[in-house]
């Protein structure tokens, strides 16, 4: 499986939040930013004020796939959305202090304050009043990498919300280093102890079921979240990083409501049937791992099954975590390595290309950026599978 590394006890897991900066020494000479005690996310690029909320959901129709004694699947969701001017001035937390502590300890970062991630300054306002008309806004579901919390995609989520989308990021319970529930319970990564060749297939199947359940709840006639009535059920799409990206294909195969998808640097596990997948799809990955003919052959296998609009893009200088908040926060904490792509730049590229994809397929707005190389983003290469080249 691509992007799997050995960790304590020899258990194989996909790298999660901050885990990929373990090998970078503090205050690395290659770091592009002065260390700060208060990390922050860059401002969103869209015109809308951003609101944020969290939502607890319980699927009593199925047991938890990782802890069978749990007779229901419990999920925590973060929501970002266009908000009305004024109102709440409370910044949404990035993570709680306890979550920060467990994440920093899991990443084995000596000298880094345990509460530092909880101090990260976001751009969304907690429980601000949603803006929009009924059924007027597209919905984007985000799925993080294995062991990473939903917060690791916050910079992307805030930007999409500022551009007029409702965004729902899912913590896939027992697949993250830490998930906190409203009653104070904390779950950890039970799935990190799972072994066997069928792990990937089981994980994406479970995540596809999570996505379908979340869509059921957000499009129900009486949803639990007050802003859900703004969602246009005909304009739903998904993106994910690593295992979350692999899960985008699995979710699209399971649920036709997911009209378009993006895989950000994830080895995929759900095989596309011979009938193909005709809905729009985009690969966005690292040049080293995911160029055609490269180390991971699953994208070439999947490419043949994608029969609709499709693009294959790779980013020079990017690492596996470059499509998350990780490089940005690592740079700010003095942990960034010299990869040739700063955290600020990786966030900008991810926001721009993911946003363009959703503007095209959910907003029906032309996006020439996706059709040819860009002088503004020379790191991004458009790949030809037939020629096995990226330019």
Protein backbone atom coordinates (compact mmCIF):
# COMPACT_ATOMS: atom_id res chain seq x y z
CA UNK A 1 0.00 0.00 0.00
CA UNK A 2 1.34 3.43 -0.92
CA UNK A 3 2.25 5.97 1.75
CA UNK A 4 2.28 3.43 4.55
CA UNK A 5 5.00 3.62 7.14
CA UNK A 6 6.06 1.42 10.05
CA UNK A 7 5.47 2.89 13.51
CA UNK A 8 5.72 1.74 17.10
CA UNK A 9 5.19 -1.99 17.46
CA UNK A 10 5.63 -2.56 13.75
CA UNK A 11 2.03 -1.64 12.99
CA UNK A 12 1.56 -0.15 9.52
CA UNK A 13 -0.49 3.06 9.41
CA UNK A 14 -0.91 5.91 6.98
CA UNK A 15 0.76 9.11 8.11
CA UNK A 16 -1.58 11.49 9.95
CA UNK A 17 -1.49 14.97 11.34
CA UNK A 18 2.11 16.06 12.01
CA UNK A 19 3.46 12.52 11.70
CA UNK A 20 5.26 13.35 8.49
CA UNK A 21 7.30 16.08 10.15
CA UNK A 22 8.76 13.78 12.79
CA UNK A 23 11.92 13.36 10.71
CA UNK A 24 12.41 17.12 10.46
CA UNK A 25 14.48 18.46 13.31
CA UNK A 26 13.16 21.50 15.24
CA UNK A 27 14.25 24.82 13.76
CA UNK A 28 15.49 23.04 10.67
CA UNK A 29 17.79 25.08 8.49
CA UNK A 30 15.37 24.49 5.64
CA UNK A 31 12.40 25.91 7.50
CA UNK A 32 10.83 28.82 5.66
CA UNK A 33 9.16 30.49 8.62
CA UNK A 34 10.17 31.94 11.99
CA UNK A 35 8.85 29.69 14.77
CA UNK A 36 5.76 31.05 16.50
CA UNK A 37 3.90 30.10 19.64
CA UNK A 38 0.59 30.91 17.98
CA UNK A 39 0.12 29.11 14.65
CA UNK A 40 -2.49 30.51 12.28
CA UNK A 41 -4.28 29.60 9.08
CA UNK A 42 -4.13 31.94 6.06
CA UNK A 43 -7.22 33.99 5.37
CA UNK A 44 -9.75 32.45 2.98
CA UNK A 45 -9.84 33.83 -0.56
CA UNK A 46 -13.60 34.02 -1.08
CA UNK A 47 -16.00 36.90 -0.38
CA UNK A 48 -18.06 35.25 2.34
CA UNK A 49 -17.62 35.36 6.09
CA UNK A 50 -17.16 31.80 7.37
CA UNK A 51 -19.11 30.12 10.14
CA UNK A 52 -18.26 26.82 11.80
CA UNK A 53 -20.14 24.27 13.85
CA UNK A 54 -19.69 20.71 15.08
CA UNK A 55 -22.27 17.94 14.87
CA UNK A 56 -22.59 14.59 16.63
CA UNK A 57 -24.26 11.81 14.64
CA UNK A 58 -25.14 8.24 15.58
CA UNK A 59 -25.90 5.51 13.07
CA UNK A 60 -27.80 2.85 14.98
CA UNK A 61 -28.23 0.71 11.85
CA UNK A 62 -24.69 -0.70 11.95
CA UNK A 63 -22.06 -1.63 14.54
CA UNK A 64 -18.71 0.08 14.54
CA UNK A 65 -16.42 -1.69 12.05
CA UNK A 66 -13.36 -1.40 14.31
CA UNK A 67 -14.97 -2.02 17.72
CA UNK A 68 -17.76 -4.59 17.16
CA UNK A 69 -18.92 -4.29 20.77
CA UNK A 70 -20.03 -0.75 19.91
CA UNK A 71 -23.46 -1.49 18.46
CA UNK A 72 -23.76 1.87 16.73
CA UNK A 73 -21.39 3.91 14.58
CA UNK A 74 -20.82 7.33 16.19
CA UNK A 75 -19.32 10.21 14.22
CA UNK A 76 -18.19 13.75 14.82
CA UNK A 77 -18.58 16.23 11.95
CA UNK A 78 -17.19 19.72 11.48
CA UNK A 79 -19.19 22.09 9.31
CA UNK A 80 -18.02 25.27 7.62
CA UNK A 81 -20.39 27.51 5.68
CA UNK A 82 -21.03 31.04 4.37
CA UNK A 83 -22.19 33.12 7.33
CA UNK A 84 -24.18 36.31 7.71
CA UNK A 85 -22.28 39.49 8.62
CA UNK A 86 -22.02 40.30 12.30
CA UNK A 87 -23.07 37.99 15.07
CA UNK A 88 -20.63 35.57 16.66
CA UNK A 89 -17.08 36.82 17.12
CA UNK A 90 -15.81 33.63 18.75
CA UNK A 91 -13.19 31.97 16.61
CA UNK A 92 -13.81 28.29 16.03
CA UNK A 93 -11.17 26.16 17.80
CA UNK A 94 -8.76 24.18 15.67
CA UNK A 95 -8.67 21.35 18.21
CA UNK A 96 -9.21 21.14 21.96
CA UNK A 97 -6.23 21.30 24.36
CA UNK A 98 -6.58 17.58 25.10
CA UNK A 99 -6.70 16.73 21.40
CA UNK A 100 -3.60 18.87 20.85
CA UNK A 101 -1.81 17.03 23.63
CA UNK A 102 -2.55 13.61 22.20
CA UNK A 103 -1.64 14.66 18.65
CA UNK A 104 1.69 16.17 19.66
CA UNK A 105 2.53 13.14 21.80
CA UNK A 106 1.61 10.78 18.96
CA UNK A 107 3.88 12.68 16.58
CA UNK A 108 6.74 12.45 19.10
CA UNK A 109 7.75 16.12 18.91
CA UNK A 110 9.98 16.87 21.91
CA UNK A 111 10.05 20.48 22.96
CA UNK A 112 6.76 21.34 21.25
CA UNK A 113 4.16 22.65 23.77
CA UNK A 114 1.41 20.06 24.15
CA UNK A 115 -1.37 22.65 23.77
CA UNK A 116 0.10 24.42 20.73
CA UNK A 117 -2.39 23.11 18.16
CA UNK A 118 -5.34 24.25 20.28
CA UNK A 119 -3.95 27.78 20.01
CA UNK A 120 -3.99 27.73 16.19
CA UNK A 121 -5.92 30.75 14.98
CA UNK A 122 -8.68 29.90 12.53
CA UNK A 123 -10.76 32.22 10.34
CA UNK A 124 -14.22 30.80 11.05
CA UNK A 125 -16.67 32.02 13.67
CA UNK A 126 -18.29 29.51 15.96
CA UNK A 127 -22.01 28.94 15.37
CA UNK A 128 -22.38 32.09 13.25
CA UNK A 129 -25.74 32.37 11.48
CA UNK A 130 -25.67 30.63 8.07
CA UNK A 131 -26.26 32.76 4.98
CA UNK A 132 -28.15 31.70 1.88
CA UNK A 133 -31.52 30.53 0.62
CA UNK A 134 -33.05 27.10 0.95
CA UNK A 135 -31.33 24.49 -1.26
CA UNK A 136 -28.97 27.13 -2.66
CA UNK A 137 -25.50 25.93 -1.66
CA UNK A 138 -23.40 22.98 -2.85
CA UNK A 139 -22.02 20.56 -0.27
CA UNK A 140 -18.44 19.28 -0.19
CA UNK A 141 -17.57 16.34 2.06
CA UNK A 142 -13.95 16.10 3.23
CA UNK A 143 -12.28 12.94 4.50
CA UNK A 144 -8.84 13.15 6.17
CA UNK A 145 -5.91 10.79 5.94
CA UNK A 146 -5.69 7.72 8.13
CA UNK A 147 -4.98 8.59 11.79
CA UNK A 148 -5.41 12.31 11.01
CA UNK A 149 -8.30 14.31 12.52
CA UNK A 150 -10.81 16.21 10.44
CA UNK A 151 -9.16 19.45 11.57
CA UNK A 152 -6.14 18.67 9.36
CA UNK A 153 -8.16 19.94 6.35
CA UNK A 154 -9.36 23.17 7.98
CA UNK A 155 -7.50 25.63 5.72
CA UNK A 156 -9.11 24.04 2.65
CA UNK A 157 -12.52 23.83 4.31
CA UNK A 158 -12.52 27.50 5.33
CA UNK A 159 -11.59 28.56 1.82
CA UNK A 160 -14.32 26.47 0.19
CA UNK A 161 -16.88 27.91 2.61
CA UNK A 162 -15.73 31.45 1.83
CA UNK A 163 -16.38 30.66 -1.86
CA UNK A 164 -19.99 29.66 -1.23
CA UNK A 165 -19.91 25.97 -0.25
CA UNK A 166 -21.11 24.12 2.78
CA UNK A 167 -18.27 21.82 3.89
CA UNK A 168 -18.60 18.75 6.10
CA UNK A 169 -15.40 17.09 7.36
CA UNK A 170 -15.75 13.71 9.01
CA UNK A 171 -13.77 12.20 11.86
CA UNK A 172 -13.89 8.50 11.04
CA UNK A 173 -14.10 7.15 14.59
CA UNK A 174 -11.35 4.80 15.78
CA UNK A 175 -9.32 5.75 12.68
CA UNK A 176 -7.99 8.98 14.20
CA UNK A 177 -5.41 9.64 16.89
CA UNK A 178 -8.16 11.31 18.90
CA UNK A 179 -11.86 12.09 18.54
CA UNK A 180 -13.76 13.94 21.27
CA UNK A 181 -17.52 13.51 21.70
CA UNK A 182 -19.89 16.07 23.27
CA UNK A 183 -20.19 14.05 26.50
CA UNK A 184 -16.42 14.20 26.98
CA UNK A 185 -15.60 10.69 25.75
CA UNK A 186 -12.37 10.35 23.79
CA UNK A 187 -11.68 7.59 21.27
CA UNK A 188 -8.28 6.77 19.84
CA UNK A 189 -6.96 4.91 16.80
CA UNK A 190 -8.05 1.30 17.31
CA UNK A 191 -7.74 0.75 13.55
CA UNK A 192 -4.03 1.60 13.79
CA UNK A 193 -3.56 -1.81 15.35
CA UNK A 194 -5.26 -3.57 12.44
CA UNK A 195 -3.17 -5.79 10.23
CA UNK A 196 -3.78 -7.70 7.04
CA UNK A 197 -3.98 -7.16 3.31
CA UNK A 198 -7.71 -6.40 3.38
CA UNK A 199 -7.25 -3.38 5.66
CA UNK A 200 -7.49 -0.84 2.83
CA UNK A 201 -10.63 -2.37 1.35
CA UNK A 202 -12.30 -2.49 4.77
CA UNK A 203 -11.33 1.09 5.56
CA UNK A 204 -12.66 2.66 2.36
CA UNK A 205 -15.85 0.58 2.55
CA UNK A 206 -16.42 1.83 6.09
CA UNK A 207 -15.71 5.42 5.11
CA UNK A 208 -18.10 5.20 2.17
CA UNK A 209 -20.80 4.08 4.60
CA UNK A 210 -19.91 7.01 6.89
CA UNK A 211 -20.28 9.43 4.00
CA UNK A 212 -23.64 8.00 2.94
CA UNK A 213 -24.94 8.27 6.50
CA UNK A 214 -23.74 11.86 6.84
CA UNK A 215 -25.49 12.76 3.58
CA UNK A 216 -28.67 11.12 4.84
CA UNK A 217 -28.54 13.27 7.96
CA UNK A 218 -27.68 16.55 6.25
CA UNK A 219 -30.39 16.16 3.60
CA UNK A 220 -33.10 14.79 5.90
CA UNK A 221 -36.46 16.56 6.12
CA UNK A 222 -35.67 17.48 9.73
CA UNK A 223 -31.86 17.73 9.94
CA UNK A 224 -30.07 18.18 13.24
CA UNK A 225 -28.04 21.13 11.98
CA UNK A 226 -29.89 24.41 11.48
CA UNK A 227 -27.98 25.31 8.31
CA UNK A 228 -28.66 22.04 6.51
CA UNK A 229 -31.69 23.46 4.70
CA UNK A 230 -29.28 25.57 2.62
CA UNK A 231 -27.75 22.47 1.02
CA UNK A 232 -28.67 21.70 -2.57
CA UNK A 233 -28.97 17.88 -2.59
CA UNK A 234 -28.29 17.81 -6.34
CA UNK A 235 -24.86 19.42 -5.89
CA UNK A 236 -22.80 17.21 -3.59
CA UNK A 237 -19.13 16.30 -4.06
CA UNK A 238 -16.23 14.92 -2.06
CA UNK A 239 -12.49 15.28 -1.62
CA UNK A 240 -10.02 13.57 0.65
CA UNK A 241 -6.33 13.22 1.38
CA UNK A 242 -4.49 9.89 1.48
CA UNK A 243 -6.99 7.24 2.65
CA UNK A 244 -9.64 9.95 2.50
CA UNK A 245 -8.85 10.45 -1.17
CA UNK A 246 -9.10 6.73 -1.80
CA UNK A 247 -12.45 6.83 -0.03
CA UNK A 248 -13.75 9.41 -2.50
CA UNK A 249 -13.90 6.76 -5.22
CA UNK A 250 -15.46 4.25 -2.81
CA UNK A 251 -18.10 6.78 -1.77
CA UNK A 252 -18.94 7.65 -5.38
CA UNK A 253 -19.34 3.97 -6.22
CA UNK A 254 -21.64 3.49 -3.23
CA UNK A 255 -23.71 6.66 -3.43
CA UNK A 256 -24.81 8.38 -6.65
CA UNK A 257 -25.51 11.58 -4.71
CA UNK A 258 -21.76 12.25 -4.74
CA UNK A 259 -21.56 13.93 -8.12
CA UNK A 260 -17.79 14.58 -8.31
CA UNK A 261 -14.66 13.62 -6.41
CA UNK A 262 -10.98 14.33 -5.76
CA UNK A 263 -8.25 12.02 -4.55
CA UNK A 264 -5.36 13.97 -3.02
CA UNK A 265 -2.35 11.66 -3.02
CA UNK A 266 -4.06 8.50 -1.85
CA UNK A 267 -3.37 4.94 -2.98
CA UNK A 268 -6.80 3.61 -3.90
CA UNK A 269 -8.41 0.34 -2.87
CA UNK A 270 -11.94 0.30 -4.24
CA UNK A 271 -11.74 -1.09 -7.79
CA UNK A 272 -13.96 0.63 -10.33
CA UNK A 273 -16.29 -1.93 -11.98
CA UNK A 274 -16.14 -2.64 -15.71
CA UNK A 275 -19.14 -0.38 -16.25
CA UNK A 276 -16.91 2.51 -15.22
CA UNK A 277 -17.44 5.68 -13.22
CA UNK A 278 -18.77 8.45 -15.43
CA UNK A 279 -18.92 11.31 -12.90
CA UNK A 280 -16.11 13.91 -12.81
CA UNK A 281 -12.96 12.96 -10.94
CA UNK A 282 -9.54 14.51 -10.35
CA UNK A 283 -6.26 13.11 -9.08
CA UNK A 284 -4.00 15.63 -7.33
CA UNK A 285 -0.79 14.17 -5.99
CA UNK A 286 2.92 14.25 -5.41
CA UNK A 287 5.17 14.11 -8.45
CA UNK A 288 7.48 11.53 -6.89
CA UNK A 289 4.79 9.00 -6.01
CA UNK A 290 1.98 9.61 -8.44
CA UNK A 291 3.36 10.50 -11.83
CA UNK A 292 2.19 8.04 -14.52
CA UNK A 293 4.43 5.02 -14.50
CA UNK A 294 5.57 5.89 -10.98
CA UNK A 295 5.60 4.02 -7.69
CA UNK A 296 1.84 3.79 -7.20
CA UNK A 297 0.10 1.96 -10.01
CA UNK A 298 -3.42 2.22 -8.64
CA UNK A 299 -4.05 5.58 -10.29
CA UNK A 300 -3.32 4.15 -13.74
CA UNK A 301 -5.64 1.25 -12.99
CA UNK A 302 -8.39 3.64 -11.88
CA UNK A 303 -7.79 6.05 -14.76
CA UNK A 304 -9.02 3.42 -17.21
CA UNK A 305 -12.28 3.09 -15.29
CA UNK A 306 -12.99 6.82 -15.17
CA UNK A 307 -15.15 7.43 -18.23
CA UNK A 308 -16.29 11.02 -17.62
CA UNK A 309 -14.45 14.33 -17.16
CA UNK A 310 -11.10 13.61 -15.52
CA UNK A 311 -7.76 15.20 -14.76
CA UNK A 312 -4.46 13.93 -13.38
CA UNK A 313 -2.29 16.59 -11.74
CA UNK A 314 0.94 16.27 -9.79
CA UNK A 315 2.77 18.92 -7.77
CA UNK A 316 6.56 19.21 -7.95
CA UNK A 317 8.17 19.51 -4.53
CA UNK A 318 5.07 18.33 -2.70
CA UNK A 319 5.13 15.69 0.02
CA UNK A 320 2.29 13.41 1.06
CA UNK A 321 1.11 15.88 3.71
CA UNK A 322 1.26 18.90 1.39
CA UNK A 323 -2.48 18.77 0.70
CA UNK A 324 -3.26 19.29 4.40
CA UNK A 325 -2.49 21.89 7.05
CA UNK A 326 0.56 19.93 8.19
CA UNK A 327 3.35 21.73 6.26
CA UNK A 328 1.93 25.14 7.15
CA UNK A 329 1.80 24.38 10.88
CA UNK A 330 5.16 22.60 10.75
CA UNK A 331 6.80 25.67 9.20
CA UNK A 332 5.27 27.94 11.83
CA UNK A 333 6.50 25.68 14.63
CA UNK A 334 10.01 25.57 13.21
CA UNK A 335 9.65 21.94 12.12
CA UNK A 336 9.52 22.33 8.36
CA UNK A 337 12.07 20.65 6.14
CA UNK A 338 13.47 22.00 2.88
CA UNK A 339 11.23 20.28 0.32
CA UNK A 340 11.08 23.14 -2.16
CA UNK A 341 7.41 23.78 -1.40
CA UNK A 342 6.58 25.89 1.64
CA UNK A 343 3.51 25.35 3.77
CA UNK A 344 2.01 28.63 2.58
CA UNK A 345 2.51 27.66 -1.06
CA UNK A 346 1.12 24.15 -0.61
CA UNK A 347 -2.05 25.54 0.98
CA UNK A 348 -2.41 28.07 -1.84
CA UNK A 349 -2.06 25.40 -4.53
CA UNK A 350 -4.44 22.99 -2.82
CA UNK A 351 -7.07 25.67 -2.30
CA UNK A 352 -6.78 26.95 -5.85
CA UNK A 353 -7.01 23.65 -7.71
CA UNK A 354 -9.56 21.98 -5.45
CA UNK A 355 -11.66 25.15 -5.51
CA UNK A 356 -11.45 25.31 -9.32
CA UNK A 357 -12.65 21.71 -9.60
CA UNK A 358 -15.69 22.34 -7.43
CA UNK A 359 -16.44 25.69 -9.07
CA UNK A 360 -16.52 23.86 -12.40
CA UNK A 361 -18.55 20.82 -11.43
CA UNK A 362 -20.81 22.23 -8.70
CA UNK A 363 -21.01 25.83 -9.89
CA UNK A 364 -20.81 25.31 -13.66
CA UNK A 365 -18.19 28.04 -13.97
CA UNK A 366 -15.46 27.51 -16.57
CA UNK A 367 -11.99 26.84 -15.15
CA UNK A 368 -9.21 27.14 -17.75
CA UNK A 369 -6.74 26.47 -14.93
CA UNK A 370 -7.65 22.78 -15.13
CA UNK A 371 -7.06 22.51 -18.87
CA UNK A 372 -3.43 23.58 -19.31
CA UNK A 373 -0.25 24.38 -17.38
CA UNK A 374 -0.30 27.66 -15.46
CA UNK A 375 2.52 30.21 -15.35
CA UNK A 376 1.27 31.20 -11.88
CA UNK A 377 1.54 27.64 -10.60
CA UNK A 378 4.52 26.11 -12.44
CA UNK A 379 4.79 23.41 -9.73
CA UNK A 380 1.52 21.88 -10.93
CA UNK A 381 1.91 19.47 -13.85
CA UNK A 382 -0.90 18.19 -16.07
CA UNK A 383 -0.27 14.51 -16.77
CA UNK A 384 -0.88 12.45 -19.88
CA UNK A 385 -1.30 8.80 -19.00
CA UNK A 386 -0.89 7.67 -22.61
CA UNK A 387 2.43 9.47 -22.98
CA UNK A 388 3.43 8.87 -19.34
CA UNK A 389 4.50 12.47 -19.07
CA UNK A 390 3.52 15.49 -16.96
CA UNK A 391 4.07 19.04 -18.14
